[in-house]
């Protein structure tokens, strides 16, 4: 069986491809300088041609069968899980109680302070967008987690001292509650200031960069599912843990989880700043199988 092609259709398709390529180059010009632009265009064209020629789609089993994919998914899903288990939602859920500890009994004032906390969260995310390509994803996440640990310890200390009413009364008389309340509010503000620019956007940014093209959608969707499952676990267990051990010790537990998250990022999450998708693929193959020569330079600051 033979096929014939309409020359007008072929010309139209060729024009469409060239038009889309021109649009892609116009977008890339806003991201890369002239020296990097040509390299990126060649890499993207090569990757697109390879994908078209192979006509290959990945499967979910490959994510667990291929070692380099397992490592990438472990890093991405781990970041999403630690984003929730380091307590962002628990701190936000408990913010009215923290405000009450400071002595702000007015509903209007409590609402105003909640809006301020939300504004800090939004502002911190904007700062994170600015810093993520300047400081790097890994460094930003590590700095964020270090601040999260410090702020959670402050919150835990405030709640533990507040619960010791007898000791508090003998030491601070009637002013103790207000002092501890402001101490707790300071811990809350510090937590938001450190979490929002780092562990807020970094897990999502990293998950958009560390997977091969054929698996990016699947791995990204699976890691997002891990995020929401972790959120569900935290939401369902937080109040129960508070009832068992108290609020202060609960925040200490979360601080311990943040320390684990710091170690996890330091050991398993590579720096992807400035790397193309092809270089990230080589990085994971290096981590999975080892290698010599020029590939070693791709590991950069990764452990």
Protein backbone atom coordinates (compact mmCIF):
# COMPACT_ATOMS: atom_id res chain seq x y z
CA UNK A 1 0.00 0.00 0.00
CA UNK A 2 1.38 3.42 -0.92
CA UNK A 3 0.50 6.87 0.37
CA UNK A 4 0.53 10.21 -1.36
CA UNK A 5 0.92 13.56 0.44
CA UNK A 6 -0.65 16.84 -0.47
CA UNK A 7 2.26 19.29 -1.08
CA UNK A 8 0.14 22.20 0.14
CA UNK A 9 -0.55 20.36 3.43
CA UNK A 10 3.14 19.57 3.87
CA UNK A 11 4.03 23.20 3.29
CA UNK A 12 1.43 24.30 5.82
CA UNK A 13 2.72 21.85 8.44
CA UNK A 14 6.29 22.96 7.87
CA UNK A 15 5.24 26.61 8.26
CA UNK A 16 3.36 25.78 11.48
CA UNK A 17 6.40 24.03 12.95
CA UNK A 18 8.65 26.96 12.09
CA UNK A 19 6.13 29.38 13.58
CA UNK A 20 5.97 27.44 16.85
CA UNK A 21 9.78 27.23 16.95
CA UNK A 22 9.99 31.01 16.55
CA UNK A 23 7.55 31.48 19.43
CA UNK A 24 9.57 29.08 21.60
CA UNK A 25 12.79 30.96 20.85
CA UNK A 26 11.08 34.27 21.74
CA UNK A 27 10.15 32.85 25.15
CA UNK A 28 13.62 31.38 25.76
CA UNK A 29 15.22 34.74 24.93
CA UNK A 30 13.54 36.16 28.03
CA UNK A 31 15.09 33.45 30.22
CA UNK A 32 18.60 32.81 28.88
CA UNK A 33 21.39 35.05 27.62
CA UNK A 34 22.56 34.80 24.01
CA UNK A 35 25.37 32.38 24.87
CA UNK A 36 23.05 29.91 26.57
CA UNK A 37 20.10 30.40 24.21
CA UNK A 38 21.55 28.51 21.25
CA UNK A 39 22.54 25.57 23.45
CA UNK A 40 19.06 25.35 24.99
CA UNK A 41 17.34 25.49 21.59
CA UNK A 42 19.55 22.65 20.32
CA UNK A 43 18.95 20.55 23.42
CA UNK A 44 15.18 21.02 23.26
CA UNK A 45 15.07 20.30 19.53
CA UNK A 46 17.15 17.17 20.00
CA UNK A 47 14.98 15.97 22.89
CA UNK A 48 11.77 16.62 20.94
CA UNK A 49 13.09 14.78 17.88
CA UNK A 50 14.20 11.83 20.01
CA UNK A 51 10.79 11.69 21.70
CA UNK A 52 9.03 11.85 18.33
CA UNK A 53 11.20 9.16 16.74
CA UNK A 54 11.04 6.74 19.66
CA UNK A 55 7.29 7.25 20.15
CA UNK A 56 7.84 5.83 23.61
CA UNK A 57 5.67 6.45 26.65
CA UNK A 58 6.64 5.48 30.16
CA UNK A 59 4.71 3.25 32.53
CA UNK A 60 4.15 3.49 36.25
CA UNK A 61 6.12 0.29 36.79
CA UNK A 62 9.20 1.93 35.30
CA UNK A 63 9.25 4.43 38.16
CA UNK A 64 9.94 1.60 40.62
CA UNK A 65 11.86 -0.66 38.19
CA UNK A 66 14.51 1.83 37.00
CA UNK A 67 16.97 2.84 39.71
CA UNK A 68 17.51 6.39 38.49
CA UNK A 69 13.75 6.98 38.40
CA UNK A 70 13.36 5.53 41.88
CA UNK A 71 15.97 7.92 43.23
CA UNK A 72 14.34 10.91 41.52
CA UNK A 73 10.86 9.98 42.75
CA UNK A 74 12.19 9.31 46.27
CA UNK A 75 13.67 12.81 46.38
CA UNK A 76 10.59 14.50 44.90
CA UNK A 77 8.00 12.61 46.95
CA UNK A 78 10.11 12.99 50.10
CA UNK A 79 10.16 16.76 49.67
CA UNK A 80 6.38 16.83 49.27
CA UNK A 81 5.85 14.68 52.36
CA UNK A 82 8.21 16.75 54.51
CA UNK A 83 6.51 19.94 53.33
CA UNK A 84 3.42 18.77 55.23
CA UNK A 85 5.06 16.92 58.13
CA UNK A 86 7.16 19.97 59.05
CA UNK A 87 3.92 21.52 60.24
CA UNK A 88 2.78 24.32 57.95
CA UNK A 89 -0.88 23.43 58.31
CA UNK A 90 -0.66 22.66 62.02
CA UNK A 91 0.93 26.04 62.72
CA UNK A 92 -1.73 27.75 60.62
CA UNK A 93 -4.50 25.75 62.34
CA UNK A 94 -3.16 26.73 65.77
CA UNK A 95 -2.64 30.42 65.02
CA UNK A 96 -5.91 31.51 66.76
CA UNK A 97 -4.74 29.85 69.99
CA UNK A 98 -1.36 31.52 69.69
CA UNK A 99 -3.10 34.85 69.25
CA UNK A 100 -5.24 34.15 72.33
CA UNK A 101 -2.11 33.41 74.34
CA UNK A 102 -0.91 36.93 73.50
CA UNK A 103 -4.06 38.31 75.09
CA UNK A 104 -5.81 39.44 71.91
CA UNK A 105 -9.39 38.55 72.80
CA UNK A 106 -11.10 40.79 70.25
CA UNK A 107 -12.47 38.82 67.30
CA UNK A 108 -11.77 41.73 64.95
CA UNK A 109 -8.17 41.97 66.11
CA UNK A 110 -7.73 38.21 65.89
CA UNK A 111 -9.02 38.32 62.31
CA UNK A 112 -6.64 41.17 61.51
CA UNK A 113 -3.69 39.20 62.88
CA UNK A 114 -4.75 36.16 60.85
CA UNK A 115 -4.80 38.32 57.72
CA UNK A 116 -1.31 39.57 58.59
CA UNK A 117 -0.09 35.96 58.90
CA UNK A 118 -1.66 35.13 55.51
CA UNK A 119 -0.06 38.22 53.98
CA UNK A 120 3.33 37.14 55.37
CA UNK A 121 2.84 33.73 53.81
CA UNK A 122 2.04 35.24 50.41
CA UNK A 123 4.90 37.74 50.63
CA UNK A 124 7.33 35.00 51.63
CA UNK A 125 6.31 32.95 48.60
CA UNK A 126 7.04 35.91 46.33
CA UNK A 127 10.45 36.27 47.98
CA UNK A 128 11.01 32.55 47.38
CA UNK A 129 10.26 32.98 43.67
CA UNK A 130 12.95 35.68 43.57
CA UNK A 131 15.52 33.64 45.53
CA UNK A 132 15.02 30.19 44.06
CA UNK A 133 17.07 30.89 40.91
CA UNK A 134 19.65 32.96 42.77
CA UNK A 135 20.34 30.87 45.85
CA UNK A 136 19.44 27.49 44.39
CA UNK A 137 16.71 25.05 45.36
CA UNK A 138 18.78 22.92 47.73
CA UNK A 139 20.37 25.78 49.64
CA UNK A 140 17.04 27.57 49.96
CA UNK A 141 15.36 24.44 51.32
CA UNK A 142 18.15 23.83 53.86
CA UNK A 143 18.06 27.44 55.07
CA UNK A 144 14.28 27.29 55.31
CA UNK A 145 14.35 24.08 57.36
CA UNK A 146 16.98 25.44 59.75
CA UNK A 147 14.72 28.43 60.46
CA UNK A 148 11.69 26.15 60.79
CA UNK A 149 13.45 24.10 63.47
CA UNK A 150 14.36 27.24 65.43
CA UNK A 151 10.83 28.70 65.24
CA UNK A 152 9.18 25.41 66.24
CA UNK A 153 11.44 25.19 69.29
CA UNK A 154 10.36 28.74 70.22
CA UNK A 155 6.68 27.79 69.81
CA UNK A 156 7.13 24.60 71.84
CA UNK A 157 8.91 26.48 74.63
CA UNK A 158 6.14 29.09 74.79
CA UNK A 159 3.41 26.44 75.06
CA UNK A 160 5.33 24.37 77.63
CA UNK A 161 5.93 27.40 79.86
CA UNK A 162 2.34 28.56 79.39
CA UNK A 163 1.04 25.18 80.56
CA UNK A 164 3.16 25.38 83.72
CA UNK A 165 0.82 27.90 85.32
CA UNK A 166 2.08 27.42 88.86
CA UNK A 167 5.72 28.06 87.92
CA UNK A 168 4.65 30.89 85.66
CA UNK A 169 2.72 32.62 88.43
CA UNK A 170 5.62 32.52 90.85
CA UNK A 171 8.09 33.90 88.34
CA UNK A 172 6.20 36.44 86.30
CA UNK A 173 3.09 37.23 88.31
CA UNK A 174 0.27 38.52 86.11
CA UNK A 175 2.43 39.53 83.16
CA UNK A 176 3.57 36.00 82.34
CA UNK A 177 0.75 35.20 79.92
CA UNK A 178 1.35 38.32 77.87
CA UNK A 179 5.11 37.76 77.69
CA UNK A 180 4.70 34.13 76.64
CA UNK A 181 1.99 35.12 74.20
CA UNK A 182 4.26 37.57 72.40
CA UNK A 183 7.00 34.94 72.53
CA UNK A 184 4.65 32.51 70.77
CA UNK A 185 3.53 35.11 68.22
CA UNK A 186 7.20 35.79 67.48
CA UNK A 187 7.75 32.07 66.92
CA UNK A 188 4.76 31.96 64.58
CA UNK A 189 6.02 34.95 62.56
CA UNK A 190 9.51 33.45 62.38
CA UNK A 191 8.08 30.12 61.21
CA UNK A 192 6.13 31.74 58.37
CA UNK A 193 9.11 33.92 57.43
CA UNK A 194 11.36 30.87 57.01
CA UNK A 195 8.88 28.32 55.65
CA UNK A 196 7.10 30.34 52.96
CA UNK A 197 10.10 31.26 50.75
CA UNK A 198 11.76 27.84 51.06
CA UNK A 199 9.76 24.72 51.83
CA UNK A 200 6.69 26.37 50.35
CA UNK A 201 7.74 26.62 46.65
CA UNK A 202 10.88 24.44 46.54
CA UNK A 203 9.17 20.99 46.54
CA UNK A 204 6.97 22.02 43.61
CA UNK A 205 9.86 23.56 41.67
CA UNK A 206 12.12 20.56 42.20
CA UNK A 207 9.40 18.11 41.18
CA UNK A 208 8.98 19.96 37.88
CA UNK A 209 12.69 19.56 37.07
CA UNK A 210 13.99 16.18 38.22
CA UNK A 211 12.03 13.72 36.07
CA UNK A 212 12.63 12.63 32.46
CA UNK A 213 10.12 14.01 29.97
CA UNK A 214 8.33 10.69 29.45
CA UNK A 215 7.70 10.34 33.20
CA UNK A 216 7.32 13.97 34.28
CA UNK A 217 3.53 13.93 34.35
CA UNK A 218 3.26 10.60 36.15
CA UNK A 219 5.94 11.30 38.75
CA UNK A 220 4.67 14.84 39.33
CA UNK A 221 1.13 13.59 39.84
CA UNK A 222 2.26 10.83 42.19
CA UNK A 223 4.38 13.22 44.28
CA UNK A 224 1.44 15.64 44.51
CA UNK A 225 -0.68 12.72 45.76
CA UNK A 226 1.95 12.07 48.44
CA UNK A 227 1.63 15.73 49.45
CA UNK A 228 -2.13 15.53 49.90
CA UNK A 229 -2.00 12.16 51.70
CA UNK A 230 0.59 13.63 54.08
CA UNK A 231 -1.69 16.63 54.61
CA UNK A 232 -4.57 14.30 55.45
CA UNK A 233 -2.43 12.36 57.95
CA UNK A 234 -1.29 15.56 59.68
CA UNK A 235 -4.81 17.00 59.83
CA UNK A 236 -6.26 13.78 61.26
CA UNK A 237 -3.55 13.11 63.86
CA UNK A 238 -2.44 16.53 65.11
CA UNK A 239 -5.20 17.10 67.67
CA UNK A 240 -4.96 13.51 68.89
CA UNK A 241 -1.22 13.87 69.50
CA UNK A 242 -1.83 17.19 71.27
CA UNK A 243 -4.34 15.41 73.52
CA UNK A 244 -1.85 12.64 74.33
CA UNK A 245 1.37 14.58 74.94
CA UNK A 246 0.38 18.27 75.02
CA UNK A 247 0.84 21.16 72.61
CA UNK A 248 4.45 22.01 73.47
CA UNK A 249 5.78 18.44 73.10
CA UNK A 250 3.83 18.11 69.84
CA UNK A 251 5.67 21.09 68.38
CA UNK A 252 8.93 19.53 69.59
CA UNK A 253 8.03 16.37 67.67
CA UNK A 254 7.43 18.45 64.55
CA UNK A 255 10.79 20.17 65.14
CA UNK A 256 12.40 16.72 65.22
CA UNK A 257 10.72 15.88 61.91
CA UNK A 258 12.11 19.16 60.49
CA UNK A 259 15.60 18.02 61.54
CA UNK A 260 15.00 14.76 59.66
CA UNK A 261 13.85 16.78 56.65
CA UNK A 262 17.08 18.82 56.78
CA UNK A 263 19.14 15.61 56.73
CA UNK A 264 17.00 14.20 53.91
CA UNK A 265 17.52 17.27 51.71
CA UNK A 266 21.26 17.32 52.46
CA UNK A 267 21.66 13.66 51.49
CA UNK A 268 19.15 12.96 48.72
CA UNK A 269 18.11 16.19 46.98
CA UNK A 270 20.62 17.46 44.38
CA UNK A 271 20.98 21.04 43.24
CA UNK A 272 19.24 21.51 39.87
CA UNK A 273 19.87 25.24 39.52
CA UNK A 274 21.18 26.03 36.04
CA UNK A 275 20.94 22.44 34.77
CA UNK A 276 19.05 21.42 31.65
CA UNK A 277 16.68 18.44 31.75
CA UNK A 278 19.29 16.35 29.95
CA UNK A 279 21.93 17.23 32.54
CA UNK A 280 19.51 16.34 35.35
CA UNK A 281 18.88 12.95 33.70
CA UNK A 282 22.63 12.33 33.60
CA UNK A 283 22.91 13.40 37.23
CA UNK A 284 20.44 10.73 38.35
CA UNK A 285 22.18 8.09 36.24
CA UNK A 286 25.44 9.10 37.93
CA UNK A 287 23.85 8.68 41.35
CA UNK A 288 22.28 5.37 40.39
CA UNK A 289 25.13 3.70 38.55
CA UNK A 290 28.25 5.78 39.13
CA UNK A 291 30.51 6.91 36.32
CA UNK A 292 33.68 8.63 35.33
CA UNK A 293 34.88 11.52 33.24
CA UNK A 294 32.81 14.56 32.39
CA UNK A 295 29.69 13.26 34.09
CA UNK A 296 31.27 13.86 37.49
CA UNK A 297 31.13 17.61 36.92
CA UNK A 298 27.36 17.46 36.75
CA UNK A 299 27.11 16.41 40.36
CA UNK A 300 28.34 19.82 41.49
CA UNK A 301 27.52 20.36 45.12
CA UNK A 302 25.32 17.29 45.40
CA UNK A 303 26.44 14.92 48.18
